[in-house]
Protein backbone atom coordinates (compact mmCIF):
# COMPACT_ATOMS: atom_id res chain seq x y z
CA MET A 1 -15.18 -15.68 121.03
CA ASN A 2 -12.39 -18.10 122.00
CA GLU A 3 -11.86 -16.23 125.28
CA ILE A 4 -15.54 -16.76 126.08
CA ARG A 5 -15.33 -20.47 125.21
CA ASN A 6 -12.30 -20.84 127.52
CA ASN A 7 -14.57 -20.11 130.48
CA LEU A 8 -16.56 -23.29 129.82
CA PHE A 9 -15.46 -26.60 131.32
CA VAL A 10 -17.34 -29.64 130.06
CA VAL A 11 -17.23 -32.24 132.82
CA LEU A 12 -18.01 -35.93 132.45
CA HIS A 13 -18.67 -37.19 135.96
CA ASN A 14 -18.85 -40.70 137.40
CA VAL A 15 -17.94 -42.67 134.31
CA THR A 16 -16.99 -46.32 133.88
CA GLY A 17 -17.28 -46.74 130.10
CA VAL A 18 -14.42 -46.05 127.71
CA SER A 19 -16.67 -45.03 124.81
CA LYS A 20 -18.43 -42.36 126.86
CA ILE A 21 -15.13 -40.61 127.53
CA ILE A 22 -13.87 -40.89 123.96
CA ASP A 23 -17.18 -39.91 122.33
CA THR A 24 -17.71 -36.93 124.64
CA SER A 25 -14.13 -35.69 124.21
CA GLN A 26 -14.55 -35.85 120.42
CA VAL A 27 -17.72 -33.76 120.63
CA VAL A 28 -16.18 -31.16 122.97
CA TYR A 29 -12.99 -30.72 120.99
CA GLY A 30 -14.65 -31.15 117.60
CA LEU A 31 -17.04 -28.27 118.27
CA GLY A 32 -14.12 -26.01 119.17
CA TYR A 33 -14.23 -26.03 122.97
CA GLN A 34 -10.95 -26.14 124.87
CA ASN A 35 -11.66 -27.70 128.25
CA PHE A 36 -12.75 -31.27 128.90
CA VAL A 37 -12.71 -32.64 132.44
CA VAL A 38 -13.34 -36.14 133.72
CA SER A 39 -14.17 -36.59 137.38
CA ARG A 40 -14.59 -39.87 139.20
CA ALA A 41 -13.51 -42.24 136.43
CA GLU A 42 -13.43 -45.91 137.36
CA GLY A 43 -12.69 -49.26 135.77
CA SER A 44 -11.97 -49.36 132.06
CA ALA A 45 -12.77 -45.64 131.75
CA ALA A 46 -9.83 -44.87 134.01
CA GLN A 47 -7.51 -47.44 132.47
CA THR A 48 -8.25 -46.98 128.77
CA GLY A 49 -10.58 -44.01 128.26
CA ILE A 50 -8.46 -41.43 130.08
CA PRO A 51 -5.26 -42.16 128.12
CA GLU A 52 -7.19 -42.08 124.82
CA ALA A 53 -8.88 -38.76 125.66
CA ASN A 54 -5.54 -37.35 126.78
CA ARG A 55 -3.98 -38.43 123.49
CA LEU A 56 -6.77 -36.69 121.54
CA ALA A 57 -6.38 -33.51 123.63
CA LEU A 58 -2.64 -33.38 122.98
CA LYS A 59 -3.16 -34.02 119.28
CA MET A 60 -5.75 -31.20 119.04
CA LYS A 61 -3.87 -28.84 121.42
CA ARG A 62 -6.75 -28.80 123.90
CA ASN A 63 -6.99 -29.08 127.70
CA PHE A 64 -7.80 -32.36 129.39
CA ILE A 65 -8.14 -32.50 133.17
CA VAL A 66 -8.79 -35.50 135.42
CA LEU A 67 -10.07 -34.86 138.95
CA PRO A 68 -11.19 -37.22 141.73
CA ASP A 69 -14.68 -35.81 142.34
CA LEU A 70 -17.21 -33.07 141.64
CA GLY A 71 -16.16 -31.09 144.73
CA ASP A 72 -12.66 -30.84 143.26
CA VAL A 73 -14.09 -29.50 139.99
CA ILE A 74 -15.84 -26.69 141.86
CA GLU A 75 -12.90 -25.86 144.08
CA LEU A 76 -9.99 -26.13 141.65
CA LEU A 77 -11.60 -24.66 138.54
CA GLY A 78 -13.11 -21.65 140.31
CA VAL A 79 -16.70 -22.48 139.44
CA LYS A 80 -19.45 -20.95 141.61
CA ARG A 81 -22.25 -23.42 140.93
CA PRO A 82 -21.92 -26.10 138.28
CA LEU A 83 -24.69 -26.68 135.77
CA LEU A 84 -25.61 -30.36 136.10
CA MET A 85 -27.44 -32.02 133.24
CA PRO A 86 -29.43 -35.00 134.57
CA SER A 87 -31.86 -37.07 132.55
CA PRO A 88 -34.90 -35.06 131.38
CA LEU A 89 -36.99 -37.57 133.35
CA LEU A 90 -35.41 -36.37 136.62
CA THR A 91 -35.98 -32.61 136.39
CA LYS A 92 -38.61 -30.33 134.93
CA GLU A 93 -36.14 -27.45 134.61
CA ARG A 94 -34.81 -27.08 131.05
CA ILE A 95 -31.53 -25.56 130.00
CA SER A 96 -31.50 -22.08 128.49
CA ILE A 97 -28.69 -21.77 125.97
CA SER A 98 -29.05 -17.98 125.95
CA GLU A 99 -28.63 -17.86 129.77
CA LEU A 100 -25.56 -20.06 129.50
CA ALA A 101 -24.12 -17.78 126.81
CA ARG A 102 -24.87 -14.72 128.96
CA SER A 103 -22.99 -16.23 131.92
CA LEU A 104 -19.97 -16.98 129.74
CA ARG A 105 -20.00 -13.53 128.14
CA SER A 106 -20.00 -11.94 131.60
CA GLY A 107 -16.71 -13.71 132.34
CA GLU A 108 -18.18 -16.33 134.67
CA ARG A 109 -16.48 -19.73 134.71
CA VAL A 110 -19.06 -22.42 134.03
CA ALA A 111 -18.84 -26.18 134.54
CA LEU A 112 -21.33 -28.06 132.38
CA VAL A 113 -21.54 -31.42 134.16
CA LEU A 114 -22.74 -34.50 132.29
CA SER A 115 -23.38 -37.81 133.98
CA GLY A 116 -21.35 -40.74 132.77
CA SER A 117 -23.53 -43.10 134.80
CA ASN A 118 -26.88 -44.59 133.87
CA SER A 119 -28.15 -43.68 137.34
CA SER A 120 -27.43 -39.96 136.78
CA PHE A 121 -26.35 -37.86 139.79
CA SER A 122 -26.76 -38.53 143.50
CA ARG A 123 -28.93 -36.17 145.56
CA ARG A 124 -25.77 -34.78 147.22
CA GLU A 125 -24.26 -34.03 143.80
CA MET A 126 -27.46 -32.41 142.54
CA ASP A 127 -27.45 -30.14 145.59
CA MET A 128 -23.98 -28.86 144.60
CA GLY A 129 -25.26 -27.06 141.51
CA ASP A 130 -28.15 -26.08 139.30
CA CYS A 131 -29.91 -28.93 137.52
CA ARG A 132 -31.22 -28.42 134.00
CA SER A 133 -31.91 -30.89 131.23
CA LEU A 134 -32.60 -30.95 127.53
CA ASP A 135 -36.18 -30.88 126.36
CA ALA A 136 -36.11 -34.53 125.26
CA ASP A 137 -38.29 -37.59 125.80
CA VAL A 138 -35.40 -39.71 127.12
CA ASP A 139 -31.82 -39.31 128.26
CA ILE A 140 -29.63 -39.19 125.13
CA GLY A 141 -26.38 -39.78 126.99
CA PRO A 142 -23.43 -37.51 127.70
CA SER A 143 -22.04 -37.22 124.17
CA GLY A 144 -25.49 -36.53 122.68
CA THR A 145 -26.25 -33.97 125.38
CA ALA A 146 -22.87 -32.31 124.89
CA ALA A 147 -23.43 -32.16 121.13
CA VAL A 148 -26.83 -30.49 121.42
CA VAL A 149 -25.79 -27.98 124.10
CA LEU A 150 -22.39 -27.07 122.65
CA TYR A 151 -23.68 -26.70 119.10
CA GLY A 152 -26.51 -24.47 120.32
CA LEU A 153 -24.08 -22.50 122.45
CA SER A 154 -21.70 -22.00 119.50
CA ARG A 155 -24.54 -20.60 117.40
CA GLU A 156 -25.71 -18.37 120.26
CA LEU A 157 -22.20 -17.03 120.89
CA SER A 158 -21.62 -16.27 117.22
CA THR A 159 -25.01 -14.61 116.57
CA GLY A 160 -26.33 -13.43 119.92
CA PRO A 161 -25.76 -10.12 121.69
CA GLN A 162 -22.10 -9.43 122.47
CA SER A 163 -22.66 -7.71 125.83
CA GLY A 164 -24.07 -9.14 128.99
């Protein structure tokens, strides 16, 4: 199952807050996932959040990657189309954990992109991937979204069908 999990890259994009980086990295690593990526970090997130998340990754023997933008995530990580998770108020399409698990089981590299900004993703960014959200009344933030999706994915990977 670890090989399957290694194909998932959780990306926190366009972040300025330190706590969003730290909280999301704790969720990703704490639920047993290896790859956490931050793209377009600015302000205190870049100055304080990135070193703290890097420290946690080293301590837990996990991967932490910092990239300039979403285009770099797609190009450098070998992801076909990222799965962007905007606010549930911005899209009617809901995430399917079983579809996500199926993609990972088939060997596909998947970038699960969470917005670190209160304004979510730009139209250009949303056009770069597939947009799905949680079935929630409001946006629960990147660490909450990561917790729900990754916990559900862990359960699906451990109990679901083992072939794609």
